[in-house]
Amino acid sequence: MLQKKTAVYLLIASILLTSCAQLLMKMGMMGLGKLSFNLHYFQQVLAFEKPVSLLFIFIGLACYSISMIAWIGVLTRIKLSVAYPFLSLSYILVYLAAITLPWFNESISIFRLSGILFICIGLFMITRSHSNGHKSH
């Protein structure tokens, strides 16, 4: 039972950290502007002209790193075919944050909300098929 609880906590941590990473890196890139492969852009980045933007990006990358450590813990406890689809919850969290937080300026779309519904249905089906006799190793 403890093994299962640990797996669930690690999975939740991985999903939340991945979602935070996406949001933080987006915030950082909003401050830096479009990525450009020219000398001026890289001089601006290397000179730390926009430290808050760079901080968001670095914290986002740190969240990704910690998320990967949690994910490795998940992979040692849950079958990949069950665990991997749950990462799609980060799509839902990021989208909901993007439409809720005003600085992202994202709009609500019936098609995207339909996609979220399909993700939830798919996760329900995967969870049900797993609990109906397909034991994790």
Protein backbone atom coordinates (compact mmCIF):
# COMPACT_ATOMS: atom_id res chain seq x y z
CA MET A 1 0.00 0.00 0.00
CA LEU A 2 2.84 2.39 0.82
CA GLN A 3 4.42 1.61 -2.55
CA LYS A 4 1.17 2.61 -4.31
CA LYS A 5 0.83 5.83 -2.29
CA THR A 6 4.43 6.74 -3.05
CA ALA A 7 3.84 6.13 -6.76
CA VAL A 8 0.76 8.37 -6.72
CA TYR A 9 2.60 11.15 -4.87
CA LEU A 10 5.52 10.97 -7.27
CA LEU A 11 3.17 11.02 -10.26
CA ILE A 12 1.31 14.06 -8.91
CA ALA A 13 4.63 15.80 -8.20
CA SER A 14 5.86 15.11 -11.71
CA ILE A 15 2.65 16.43 -13.30
CA LEU A 16 2.56 19.57 -11.16
CA LEU A 17 6.25 20.33 -11.63
CA THR A 18 6.01 19.81 -15.40
CA SER A 19 3.02 22.17 -15.53
CA CYS A 20 4.82 24.79 -13.44
CA ALA A 21 7.87 24.46 -15.67
CA GLN A 22 5.82 25.20 -18.78
CA LEU A 23 4.14 28.22 -17.22
CA LEU A 24 7.37 29.65 -15.81
CA MET A 25 9.27 29.22 -19.07
CA LYS A 26 6.43 30.87 -20.98
CA MET A 27 6.50 33.80 -18.55
CA GLY A 28 10.24 34.10 -19.01
CA MET A 29 10.02 34.01 -22.79
CA MET A 30 7.25 36.61 -22.76
CA GLY A 31 9.79 38.94 -21.18
CA LEU A 32 12.63 38.01 -23.52
CA GLY A 33 10.59 38.11 -26.70
CA LYS A 34 10.76 35.74 -29.64
CA LEU A 35 13.81 33.53 -29.72
CA SER A 36 16.13 34.85 -32.37
CA PHE A 37 19.40 33.39 -33.50
CA ASN A 38 21.22 36.67 -33.94
CA LEU A 39 24.07 38.27 -32.04
CA HIS A 40 22.00 41.04 -30.45
CA TYR A 41 19.52 38.59 -28.92
CA PHE A 42 22.24 36.45 -27.36
CA GLN A 43 24.12 39.52 -26.12
CA GLN A 44 20.94 40.65 -24.40
CA VAL A 45 20.50 37.23 -22.78
CA LEU A 46 24.17 36.86 -21.78
CA ALA A 47 24.28 40.41 -20.36
CA PHE A 48 21.33 39.55 -18.09
CA GLU A 49 19.46 42.63 -19.36
CA LYS A 50 16.19 41.01 -18.29
CA PRO A 51 17.07 39.13 -15.09
CA VAL A 52 13.49 38.42 -14.01
CA SER A 53 12.73 36.74 -17.34
CA LEU A 54 15.86 34.63 -17.09
CA LEU A 55 15.00 33.74 -13.51
CA PHE A 56 11.60 32.43 -14.62
CA ILE A 57 13.27 30.32 -17.31
CA PHE A 58 15.88 28.90 -14.94
CA ILE A 59 13.29 28.11 -12.26
CA GLY A 60 11.20 26.43 -14.97
CA LEU A 61 14.18 24.32 -16.00
CA ALA A 62 14.78 23.42 -12.34
CA CYS A 63 11.13 22.34 -12.06
CA TYR A 64 11.63 20.14 -15.12
CA SER A 65 14.72 18.58 -13.57
CA ILE A 66 12.97 17.78 -10.31
CA SER A 67 9.98 16.53 -12.28
CA MET A 68 12.20 14.07 -14.12
CA ILE A 69 13.54 12.71 -10.83
CA ALA A 70 9.97 12.17 -9.64
CA TRP A 71 9.12 10.58 -13.00
CA ILE A 72 11.98 8.11 -12.67
CA GLY A 73 10.51 7.14 -9.29
CA VAL A 74 7.13 6.65 -10.97
CA LEU A 75 8.64 4.40 -13.64
CA THR A 76 10.05 2.10 -10.98
CA ARG A 77 6.60 1.63 -9.45
CA ILE A 78 3.96 1.82 -12.21
CA LYS A 79 3.69 0.28 -15.66
CA LEU A 80 4.57 2.78 -18.38
CA SER A 81 1.31 2.09 -20.23
CA VAL A 82 -0.59 3.28 -17.15
CA ALA A 83 1.68 6.08 -15.91
CA TYR A 84 2.48 7.84 -19.18
CA PRO A 85 -1.09 8.85 -20.11
CA PHE A 86 -1.38 10.65 -16.77
CA LEU A 87 1.20 13.16 -17.97
CA SER A 88 -1.60 14.49 -20.19
CA LEU A 89 -3.03 16.04 -17.02
CA SER A 90 -0.31 18.66 -17.38
CA TYR A 91 -1.94 19.74 -20.68
CA ILE A 92 -5.15 20.35 -18.77
CA LEU A 93 -3.45 22.22 -15.92
CA VAL A 94 -1.41 24.41 -18.25
CA TYR A 95 -4.42 25.25 -20.40
CA LEU A 96 -6.57 26.09 -17.38
CA ALA A 97 -3.81 28.29 -15.95
CA ALA A 98 -3.30 29.98 -19.33
CA ILE A 99 -6.97 30.93 -19.65
CA THR A 100 -7.29 31.89 -15.99
CA LEU A 101 -4.17 33.96 -15.40
CA PRO A 102 -4.57 37.29 -17.20
CA TRP A 103 -0.93 37.81 -18.20
CA PHE A 104 -1.04 34.80 -20.53
CA ASN A 105 -3.92 36.34 -22.47
CA GLU A 106 -5.22 32.98 -23.72
CA SER A 107 -8.79 32.50 -24.84
CA ILE A 108 -11.26 29.74 -24.08
CA SER A 109 -11.99 27.45 -27.00
CA ILE A 110 -14.77 24.90 -27.22
CA PHE A 111 -12.44 22.64 -29.20
CA ARG A 112 -9.75 22.77 -26.52
CA LEU A 113 -12.31 22.18 -23.79
CA SER A 114 -13.58 19.20 -25.81
CA GLY A 115 -10.01 17.92 -25.98
CA ILE A 116 -9.76 18.19 -22.20
CA LEU A 117 -12.96 16.17 -21.89
CA PHE A 118 -11.51 13.48 -24.18
CA ILE A 119 -8.30 13.39 -22.12
CA CYS A 120 -10.36 12.88 -18.95
CA ILE A 121 -12.42 10.13 -20.59
CA GLY A 122 -9.25 8.44 -21.80
CA LEU A 123 -7.65 8.56 -18.36
CA PHE A 124 -10.81 7.15 -16.83
CA MET A 125 -10.77 4.28 -19.33
CA ILE A 126 -7.08 3.55 -18.71
CA THR A 127 -7.61 3.58 -14.96
CA ARG A 128 -10.64 1.30 -15.21
CA SER A 129 -8.87 -1.17 -17.50
CA HIS A 130 -5.91 -1.23 -15.11
CA SER A 131 -8.05 -1.86 -12.05
CA ASN A 132 -10.04 -4.62 -13.78
CA GLY A 133 -7.39 -7.30 -13.51
CA HIS A 134 -4.27 -5.83 -15.09
CA LYS A 135 -1.93 -5.58 -12.12
CA SER A 136 1.10 -3.26 -12.07
CA HIS A 137 4.55 -4.68 -11.42
